Amino acid sequence: MVITISFFYYLYLLVLLFFLVYSLFNIYHLIRFGFLSLVNVLMIILYIILSAAFIIFSFQLLLAIDWQQPLLQIDGLKNLFNQLSLP
């Protein structure tokens, strides 16, 4: 059995999901409880634009990676443990 580096990709997606949920929570609170002012609206728009830019930039960096590269091959470890076991 081979574990590929796609493990880190799924971990990244999990962190990204947490970030998106947390951002929606924060934006909701800014809209619901914040003052209705131009500064508040501009800060929300700026936050959304910068967040989207960083997410798009990170996805562009991740496109260059071959996610099928093996990270850990468990078959070799199983053979090693079989050789070390006492008869």
PDB file of N, CA and C in Angstrom:
ATOM      1  N   MET A   1       0.845  -1.176   0.000  1.00  0.00           N
ATOM      2  CA  MET A   1       0.000   0.000   0.000  1.00  0.00           C
ATOM      3  C   MET A   1       0.891   1.241   0.000  1.00  0.00           C
ATOM      4  N   VAL A   2       0.540   2.190  -0.838  1.00  0.00           N
ATOM      5  CA  VAL A   2       1.334   3.397  -0.988  1.00  0.00           C
ATOM      6  C   VAL A   2       0.481   4.595  -0.576  1.00  0.00           C
ATOM      7  N   ILE A   3       1.034   5.417   0.273  1.00  0.00           N
ATOM      8  CA  ILE A   3       0.381   6.670   0.658  1.00  0.00           C
ATOM      9  C   ILE A   3       1.046   7.785  -0.132  1.00  0.00           C
ATOM     10  N   THR A   4       0.241   8.551  -0.873  1.00  0.00           N
ATOM     11  CA  THR A   4       0.789   9.602  -1.717  1.00  0.00           C
ATOM     12  C   THR A   4       0.761  10.943  -0.977  1.00  0.00           C
ATOM     13  N   ILE A   5       1.390  11.938  -1.583  1.00  0.00           N
ATOM     14  CA  ILE A   5       1.417  13.263  -0.954  1.00  0.00           C
ATOM     15  C   ILE A   5       0.085  13.983  -1.083  1.00  0.00           C
ATOM     16  N   SER A   6      -0.882  13.353  -1.737  1.00  0.00           N
ATOM     17  CA  SER A   6      -2.216  13.953  -1.806  1.00  0.00           C
ATOM     18  C   SER A   6      -2.831  14.065  -0.412  1.00  0.00           C
ATOM     19  N   PHE A   7      -2.262  13.353   0.551  1.00  0.00           N
ATOM     20  CA  PHE A   7      -2.679  13.483   1.945  1.00  0.00           C
ATOM     21  C   PHE A   7      -2.585  14.942   2.395  1.00  0.00           C
ATOM     22  N   PHE A   8      -1.512  15.615   2.006  1.00  0.00           N
ATOM     23  CA  PHE A   8      -1.332  17.019   2.375  1.00  0.00           C
ATOM     24  C   PHE A   8      -2.317  17.926   1.645  1.00  0.00           C
ATOM     25  N   TYR A   9      -2.686  17.525   0.420  1.00  0.00           N
ATOM     26  CA  TYR A   9      -3.679  18.299  -0.325  1.00  0.00           C
ATOM     27  C   TYR A   9      -5.032  18.257   0.383  1.00  0.00           C
ATOM     28  N   TYR A  10      -5.433  17.078   0.824  1.00  0.00           N
ATOM     29  CA  TYR A  10      -6.701  16.957   1.542  1.00  0.00           C
ATOM     30  C   TYR A  10      -6.645  17.676   2.887  1.00  0.00           C
ATOM     31  N   LEU A  11      -5.501  17.657   3.515  1.00  0.00           N
ATOM     32  CA  LEU A  11      -5.322  18.418   4.745  1.00  0.00           C
ATOM     33  C   LEU A  11      -5.446  19.922   4.465  1.00  0.00           C
ATOM     34  N   TYR A  12      -4.886  20.388   3.364  1.00  0.00           N
ATOM     35  CA  TYR A  12      -5.011  21.784   2.952  1.00  0.00           C
ATOM     36  C   TYR A  12      -6.476  22.137   2.698  1.00  0.00           C
ATOM     37  N   LEU A  13      -7.209  21.257   2.025  1.00  0.00           N
ATOM     38  CA  LEU A  13      -8.620  21.521   1.758  1.00  0.00           C
ATOM     39  C   LEU A  13      -9.426  21.584   3.047  1.00  0.00           C
ATOM     40  N   LEU A  14      -9.069  20.780   4.020  1.00  0.00           N
ATOM     41  CA  LEU A  14      -9.746  20.821   5.319  1.00  0.00           C
ATOM     42  C   LEU A  14      -9.478  22.149   6.026  1.00  0.00           C
ATOM     43  N   VAL A  15      -8.252  22.625   5.988  1.00  0.00           N
ATOM     44  CA  VAL A  15      -7.916  23.923   6.577  1.00  0.00           C
ATOM     45  C   VAL A  15      -8.623  25.043   5.828  1.00  0.00           C
ATOM     46  N   LEU A  16      -8.710  24.922   4.505  1.00  0.00           N
ATOM     47  CA  LEU A  16      -9.405  25.919   3.697  1.00  0.00           C
ATOM     48  C   LEU A  16     -10.902  25.950   4.025  1.00  0.00           C
ATOM     49  N   LEU A  17     -11.504  24.796   4.234  1.00  0.00           N
ATOM     50  CA  LEU A  17     -12.909  24.742   4.634  1.00  0.00           C
ATOM     51  C   LEU A  17     -13.118  25.431   5.978  1.00  0.00           C
ATOM     52  N   PHE A  18     -12.226  25.172   6.930  1.00  0.00           N
ATOM     53  CA  PHE A  18     -12.308  25.829   8.235  1.00  0.00           C
ATOM     54  C   PHE A  18     -12.189  27.348   8.075  1.00  0.00           C
ATOM     55  N   PHE A  19     -11.269  27.797   7.223  1.00  0.00           N
ATOM     56  CA  PHE A  19     -11.086  29.219   6.980  1.00  0.00           C
ATOM     57  C   PHE A  19     -12.340  29.849   6.380  1.00  0.00           C
ATOM     58  N   LEU A  20     -12.955  29.161   5.421  1.00  0.00           N
ATOM     59  CA  LEU A  20     -14.149  29.702   4.776  1.00  0.00           C
ATOM     60  C   LEU A  20     -15.322  29.800   5.751  1.00  0.00           C
ATOM     61  N   VAL A  21     -15.512  28.780   6.576  1.00  0.00           N
ATOM     62  CA  VAL A  21     -16.589  28.816   7.566  1.00  0.00           C
ATOM     63  C   VAL A  21     -16.337  29.924   8.579  1.00  0.00           C
ATOM     64  N   TYR A  22     -15.114  30.050   9.029  1.00  0.00           N
ATOM     65  CA  TYR A  22     -14.761  31.104   9.984  1.00  0.00           C
ATOM     66  C   TYR A  22     -14.942  32.489   9.360  1.00  0.00           C
ATOM     67  N   SER A  23     -14.583  32.620   8.077  1.00  0.00           N
ATOM     68  CA  SER A  23     -14.746  33.905   7.392  1.00  0.00           C
ATOM     69  C   SER A  23     -16.221  34.268   7.250  1.00  0.00           C
ATOM     70  N   LEU A  24     -17.037  33.295   6.890  1.00  0.00           N
ATOM     71  CA  LEU A  24     -18.471  33.571   6.779  1.00  0.00           C
ATOM     72  C   LEU A  24     -19.054  33.991   8.124  1.00  0.00           C
ATOM     73  N   PHE A  25     -18.603  33.360   9.182  1.00  0.00           N
ATOM     74  CA  PHE A  25     -19.038  33.723  10.532  1.00  0.00           C
ATOM     75  C   PHE A  25     -18.644  35.170  10.852  1.00  0.00           C
ATOM     76  N   ASN A  26     -17.422  35.541  10.526  1.00  0.00           N
ATOM     77  CA  ASN A  26     -16.950  36.907  10.789  1.00  0.00           C
ATOM     78  C   ASN A  26     -17.665  37.936   9.926  1.00  0.00           C
ATOM     79  N   ILE A  27     -17.873  37.623   8.659  1.00  0.00           N
ATOM     80  CA  ILE A  27     -18.576  38.567   7.783  1.00  0.00           C
ATOM     81  C   ILE A  27     -20.009  38.751   8.249  1.00  0.00           C
ATOM     82  N   TYR A  28     -20.655  37.656   8.659  1.00  0.00           N
ATOM     83  CA  TYR A  28     -22.014  37.767   9.183  1.00  0.00           C
ATOM     84  C   TYR A  28     -22.058  38.712  10.382  1.00  0.00           C
ATOM     85  N   HIS A  29     -21.110  38.562  11.286  1.00  0.00           N
ATOM     86  CA  HIS A  29     -21.102  39.422  12.463  1.00  0.00           C
ATOM     87  C   HIS A  29     -20.795  40.883  12.113  1.00  0.00           C
ATOM     88  N   LEU A  30     -19.946  41.108  11.139  1.00  0.00           N
ATOM     89  CA  LEU A  30     -19.685  42.483  10.705  1.00  0.00           C
ATOM     90  C   LEU A  30     -20.936  43.115  10.095  1.00  0.00           C
ATOM     91  N   ILE A  31     -21.682  42.344   9.319  1.00  0.00           N
ATOM     92  CA  ILE A  31     -22.901  42.876   8.705  1.00  0.00           C
ATOM     93  C   ILE A  31     -24.002  43.051   9.749  1.00  0.00           C
ATOM     94  N   ARG A  32     -24.166  42.055  10.609  1.00  0.00           N
ATOM     95  CA  ARG A  32     -25.278  42.061  11.567  1.00  0.00           C
ATOM     96  C   ARG A  32     -25.063  43.059  12.702  1.00  0.00           C
ATOM     97  N   PHE A  33     -23.876  43.103  13.267  1.00  0.00           N
ATOM     98  CA  PHE A  33     -23.633  43.903  14.460  1.00  0.00           C
ATOM     99  C   PHE A  33     -22.738  45.115  14.225  1.00  0.00           C
ATOM    100  N   GLY A  34     -22.177  45.233  13.021  1.00  0.00           N
ATOM    101  CA  GLY A  34     -21.307  46.369  12.731  1.00  0.00           C
ATOM    102  C   GLY A  34     -22.114  47.604  12.403  1.00  0.00           C
ATOM    103  N   PHE A  35     -21.453  48.714  12.467  1.00  0.00           N
ATOM    104  CA  PHE A  35     -22.097  49.975  12.105  1.00  0.00           C
ATOM    105  C   PHE A  35     -22.291  50.030  10.597  1.00  0.00           C
ATOM    106  N   LEU A  36     -23.420  50.550  10.179  1.00  0.00           N
ATOM    107  CA  LEU A  36     -23.676  50.709   8.758  1.00  0.00           C
ATOM    108  C   LEU A  36     -22.929  51.953   8.277  1.00  0.00           C
ATOM    109  N   SER A  37     -21.698  51.716   7.861  1.00  0.00           N
ATOM    110  CA  SER A  37     -20.876  52.824   7.402  1.00  0.00           C
ATOM    111  C   SER A  37     -20.083  52.391   6.178  1.00  0.00           C
ATOM    112  N   LEU A  38     -19.564  53.353   5.500  1.00  0.00           N
ATOM    113  CA  LEU A  38     -18.765  53.081   4.308  1.00  0.00           C
ATOM    114  C   LEU A  38     -17.490  52.314   4.669  1.00  0.00           C
ATOM    115  N   VAL A  39     -16.898  52.625   5.796  1.00  0.00           N
ATOM    116  CA  VAL A  39     -15.663  51.957   6.220  1.00  0.00           C
ATOM    117  C   VAL A  39     -15.920  50.473   6.466  1.00  0.00           C
ATOM    118  N   ASN A  40     -17.032  50.137   7.108  1.00  0.00           N
ATOM    119  CA  ASN A  40     -17.368  48.746   7.387  1.00  0.00           C
ATOM    120  C   ASN A  40     -17.570  47.972   6.086  1.00  0.00           C
ATOM    121  N   VAL A  41     -18.303  48.552   5.157  1.00  0.00           N
ATOM    122  CA  VAL A  41     -18.549  47.892   3.875  1.00  0.00           C
ATOM    123  C   VAL A  41     -17.249  47.741   3.089  1.00  0.00           C
ATOM    124  N   LEU A  42     -16.409  48.758   3.089  1.00  0.00           N
ATOM    125  CA  LEU A  42     -15.132  48.674   2.386  1.00  0.00           C
ATOM    126  C   LEU A  42     -14.209  47.623   3.000  1.00  0.00           C
ATOM    127  N   MET A  43     -14.224  47.499   4.313  1.00  0.00           N
ATOM    128  CA  MET A  43     -13.398  46.484   4.972  1.00  0.00           C
ATOM    129  C   MET A  43     -13.872  45.077   4.631  1.00  0.00           C
ATOM    130  N   ILE A  44     -15.183  44.891   4.566  1.00  0.00           N
ATOM    131  CA  ILE A  44     -15.720  43.578   4.194  1.00  0.00           C
ATOM    132  C   ILE A  44     -15.323  43.236   2.763  1.00  0.00           C
ATOM    133  N   ILE A  45     -15.474  44.189   1.858  1.00  0.00           N
ATOM    134  CA  ILE A  45     -15.117  43.954   0.455  1.00  0.00           C
ATOM    135  C   ILE A  45     -13.616  43.707   0.313  1.00  0.00           C
ATOM    136  N   LEU A  46     -12.809  44.475   1.006  1.00  0.00           N
ATOM    137  CA  LEU A  46     -11.356  44.288   0.967  1.00  0.00           C
ATOM    138  C   LEU A  46     -10.960  42.913   1.508  1.00  0.00           C
ATOM    139  N   TYR A  47     -11.596  42.492   2.588  1.00  0.00           N
ATOM    140  CA  TYR A  47     -11.314  41.176   3.172  1.00  0.00           C
ATOM    141  C   TYR A  47     -11.667  40.065   2.185  1.00  0.00           C
ATOM    142  N   ILE A  48     -12.813  40.185   1.530  1.00  0.00           N
ATOM    143  CA  ILE A  48     -13.233  39.163   0.571  1.00  0.00           C
ATOM    144  C   ILE A  48     -12.284  39.123  -0.626  1.00  0.00           C
ATOM    145  N   ILE A  49     -11.909  40.289  -1.133  1.00  0.00           N
ATOM    146  CA  ILE A  49     -11.007  40.342  -2.293  1.00  0.00           C
ATOM    147  C   ILE A  49      -9.634  39.766  -1.955  1.00  0.00           C
ATOM    148  N   LEU A  50      -9.068  40.154  -0.819  1.00  0.00           N
ATOM    149  CA  LEU A  50      -7.744  39.635  -0.433  1.00  0.00           C
ATOM    150  C   LEU A  50      -7.780  38.144  -0.143  1.00  0.00           C
ATOM    151  N   SER A  51      -8.825  37.687   0.512  1.00  0.00           N
ATOM    152  CA  SER A  51      -8.954  36.256   0.785  1.00  0.00           C
ATOM    153  C   SER A  51      -9.057  35.458  -0.509  1.00  0.00           C
ATOM    154  N   ALA A  52      -9.879  35.934  -1.416  1.00  0.00           N
ATOM    155  CA  ALA A  52     -10.022  35.247  -2.701  1.00  0.00           C
ATOM    156  C   ALA A  52      -8.702  35.252  -3.473  1.00  0.00           C
ATOM    157  N   ALA A  53      -7.981  36.362  -3.427  1.00  0.00           N
ATOM    158  CA  ALA A  53      -6.696  36.437  -4.130  1.00  0.00           C
ATOM    159  C   ALA A  53      -5.686  35.442  -3.557  1.00  0.00           C
ATOM    160  N   PHE A  54      -5.617  35.341  -2.232  1.00  0.00           N
ATOM    161  CA  PHE A  54      -4.689  34.384  -1.626  1.00  0.00           C
ATOM    162  C   PHE A  54      -5.091  32.939  -1.918  1.00  0.00           C
ATOM    163  N   ILE A  55      -6.375  32.657  -1.927  1.00  0.00           N
ATOM    164  CA  ILE A  55      -6.825  31.296  -2.217  1.00  0.00           C
ATOM    165  C   ILE A  55      -6.532  30.941  -3.675  1.00  0.00           C
ATOM    166  N   ILE A  56      -6.806  31.848  -4.591  1.00  0.00           N
ATOM    167  CA  ILE A  56      -6.514  31.597  -5.999  1.00  0.00           C
ATOM    168  C   ILE A  56      -5.016  31.433  -6.216  1.00  0.00           C
ATOM    169  N   PHE A  57      -4.212  32.262  -5.567  1.00  0.00           N
ATOM    170  CA  PHE A  57      -2.753  32.156  -5.681  1.00  0.00           C
ATOM    171  C   PHE A  57      -2.254  30.814  -5.149  1.00  0.00           C
ATOM    172  N   SER A  58      -2.793  30.380  -4.021  1.00  0.00           N
ATOM    173  CA  SER A  58      -2.347  29.101  -3.457  1.00  0.00           C
ATOM    174  C   SER A  58      -2.763  27.934  -4.344  1.00  0.00           C
ATOM    175  N   PHE A  59      -3.957  27.991  -4.951  1.00  0.00           N
ATOM    176  CA  PHE A  59      -4.362  26.925  -5.866  1.00  0.00           C
ATOM    177  C   PHE A  59      -3.478  26.904  -7.114  1.00  0.00           C
ATOM    178  N   GLN A  60      -3.066  28.069  -7.594  1.00  0.00           N
ATOM    179  CA  GLN A  60      -2.162  28.098  -8.741  1.00  0.00           C
ATOM    180  C   GLN A  60      -0.809  27.481  -8.401  1.00  0.00           C
ATOM    181  N   LEU A  61      -0.338  27.696  -7.193  1.00  0.00           N
ATOM    182  CA  LEU A  61       0.912  27.061  -6.771  1.00  0.00           C
ATOM    183  C   LEU A  61       0.747  25.549  -6.646  1.00  0.00           C
ATOM    184  N   LEU A  62      -0.420  25.110  -6.183  1.00  0.00           N
ATOM    185  CA  LEU A  62      -0.649  23.685  -5.981  1.00  0.00           C
ATOM    186  C   LEU A  62      -0.858  22.930  -7.286  1.00  0.00           C
ATOM    187  N   LEU A  63      -1.199  23.632  -8.367  1.00  0.00           N
ATOM    188  CA  LEU A  63      -1.392  22.965  -9.657  1.00  0.00           C
ATOM    189  C   LEU A  63      -0.095  22.381 -10.198  1.00  0.00           C
ATOM    190  N   ALA A  64       1.033  22.926  -9.817  1.00  0.00           N
ATOM    191  CA  ALA A  64       2.323  22.477 -10.348  1.00  0.00           C
ATOM    192  C   ALA A  64       2.836  21.202  -9.668  1.00  0.00           C
ATOM    193  N   ILE A  65       2.170  20.755  -8.647  1.00  0.00           N
ATOM    194  CA  ILE A  65       2.646  19.606  -7.867  1.00  0.00           C
ATOM    195  C   ILE A  65       2.031  18.319  -8.391  1.00  0.00           C
ATOM    196  N   ASP A  66       2.848  17.281  -8.515  1.00  0.00           N
ATOM    197  CA  ASP A  66       2.359  15.958  -8.885  1.00  0.00           C
ATOM    198  C   ASP A  66       1.904  15.254  -7.600  1.00  0.00           C
ATOM    199  N   TRP A  67       0.598  15.148  -7.421  1.00  0.00           N
ATOM    200  CA  TRP A  67       0.036  14.634  -6.172  1.00  0.00           C
ATOM    201  C   TRP A  67       0.067  13.109  -6.089  1.00  0.00           C
ATOM    202  N   GLN A  68       0.561  12.449  -7.139  1.00  0.00           N
ATOM    203  CA  GLN A  68       0.631  10.981  -7.134  1.00  0.00           C
ATOM    204  C   GLN A  68       1.999  10.461  -6.685  1.00  0.00           C
ATOM    205  N   GLN A  69       2.896  11.361  -6.324  1.00  0.00           N
ATOM    206  CA  GLN A  69       4.204  10.947  -5.829  1.00  0.00           C
ATOM    207  C   GLN A  69       4.035  10.203  -4.507  1.00  0.00           C
ATOM    208  N   PRO A  70       4.706   9.086  -4.345  1.00  0.00           N
ATOM    209  CA  PRO A  70       4.566   8.335  -3.087  1.00  0.00           C
ATOM    210  C   PRO A  70       5.237   9.055  -1.924  1.00  0.00           C
ATOM    211  N   LEU A  71       4.549   9.030  -0.811  1.00  0.00           N
ATOM    212  CA  LEU A  71       5.076   9.604   0.417  1.00  0.00           C
ATOM    213  C   LEU A  71       5.608   8.507   1.322  1.00  0.00           C
ATOM    214  N   LEU A  72       4.854   7.428   1.410  1.00  0.00           N
ATOM    215  CA  LEU A  72       5.210   6.315   2.285  1.00  0.00           C
ATOM    216  C   LEU A  72       4.712   5.039   1.647  1.00  0.00           C
ATOM    217  N   GLN A  73       5.581   4.031   1.605  1.00  0.00           N
ATOM    218  CA  GLN A  73       5.198   2.744   1.067  1.00  0.00           C
ATOM    219  C   GLN A  73       5.193   1.749   2.218  1.00  0.00           C
ATOM    220  N   ILE A  74       4.013   1.308   2.569  1.00  0.00           N
ATOM    221  CA  ILE A  74       3.842   0.479   3.758  1.00  0.00           C
ATOM    222  C   ILE A  74       4.278  -0.962   3.510  1.00  0.00           C
ATOM    223  N   ASP A  75       4.280  -1.431   2.256  1.00  0.00           N
ATOM    224  CA  ASP A  75       4.679  -2.806   1.965  1.00  0.00           C
ATOM    225  C   ASP A  75       6.103  -3.085   2.425  1.00  0.00           C
ATOM    226  N   GLY A  76       6.990  -2.151   2.230  1.00  0.00           N
ATOM    227  CA  GLY A  76       8.377  -2.328   2.663  1.00  0.00           C
ATOM    228  C   GLY A  76       8.490  -2.436   4.172  1.00  0.00           C
ATOM    229  N   LEU A  77       7.671  -1.705   4.897  1.00  0.00           N
ATOM    230  CA  LEU A  77       7.687  -1.786   6.360  1.00  0.00           C
ATOM    231  C   LEU A  77       7.164  -3.136   6.840  1.00  0.00           C
ATOM    232  N   LYS A  78       6.154  -3.663   6.147  1.00  0.00           N
ATOM    233  CA  LYS A  78       5.615  -4.966   6.540  1.00  0.00           C
ATOM    234  C   LYS A  78       6.670  -6.055   6.344  1.00  0.00           C
ATOM    235  N   ASN A  79       7.399  -5.997   5.239  1.00  0.00           N
ATOM    236  CA  ASN A  79       8.466  -6.971   4.995  1.00  0.00           C
ATOM    237  C   ASN A  79       9.575  -6.831   6.030  1.00  0.00           C
ATOM    238  N   LEU A  80       9.888  -5.622   6.434  1.00  0.00           N
ATOM    239  CA  LEU A  80      10.915  -5.393   7.439  1.00  0.00           C
ATOM    240  C   LEU A  80      10.503  -6.005   8.776  1.00  0.00           C
ATOM    241  N   PHE A  81       9.250  -5.809   9.177  1.00  0.00           N
ATOM    242  CA  PHE A  81       8.778  -6.383  10.431  1.00  0.00           C
ATOM    243  C   PHE A  81       8.737  -7.907  10.363  1.00  0.00           C
ATOM    244  N   ASN A  82       8.409  -8.459   9.196  1.00  0.00           N
ATOM    245  CA  ASN A  82       8.424  -9.922   9.045  1.00  0.00           C
ATOM    246  C   ASN A  82       9.833 -10.474   9.172  1.00  0.00           C
ATOM    247  N   GLN A  83      10.827  -9.764   8.688  1.00  0.00           N
ATOM    248  CA  GLN A  83      12.223 -10.223   8.777  1.00  0.00           C
ATOM    249  C   GLN A  83      12.744 -10.104  10.202  1.00  0.00           C
ATOM    250  N   LEU A  84      12.273  -9.105  10.945  1.00  0.00           N
ATOM    251  CA  LEU A  84      12.755  -8.906  12.303  1.00  0.00           C
ATOM    252  C   LEU A  84      12.064  -9.807  13.320  1.00  0.00           C
ATOM    253  N   SER A  85      10.938 -10.399  12.952  1.00  0.00           N
ATOM    254  CA  SER A  85      10.205 -11.218  13.905  1.00  0.00           C
ATOM    255  C   SER A  85      10.978 -12.508  14.191  1.00  0.00           C
ATOM    256  N   LEU A  86      10.823 -12.982  15.405  1.00  0.00           N
ATOM    257  CA  LEU A  86      11.514 -14.199  15.814  1.00  0.00           C
ATOM    258  C   LEU A  86      10.781 -15.428  15.273  1.00  0.00           C
ATOM    259  N   PRO A  87      11.538 -16.448  14.853  1.00  0.00           N
ATOM    260  CA  PRO A  87      10.893 -17.678  14.311  1.00  0.00           C
ATOM    261  C   PRO A  87      10.207 -18.490  15.366  1.00  0.00           C
TER     262      PRO A  87
END
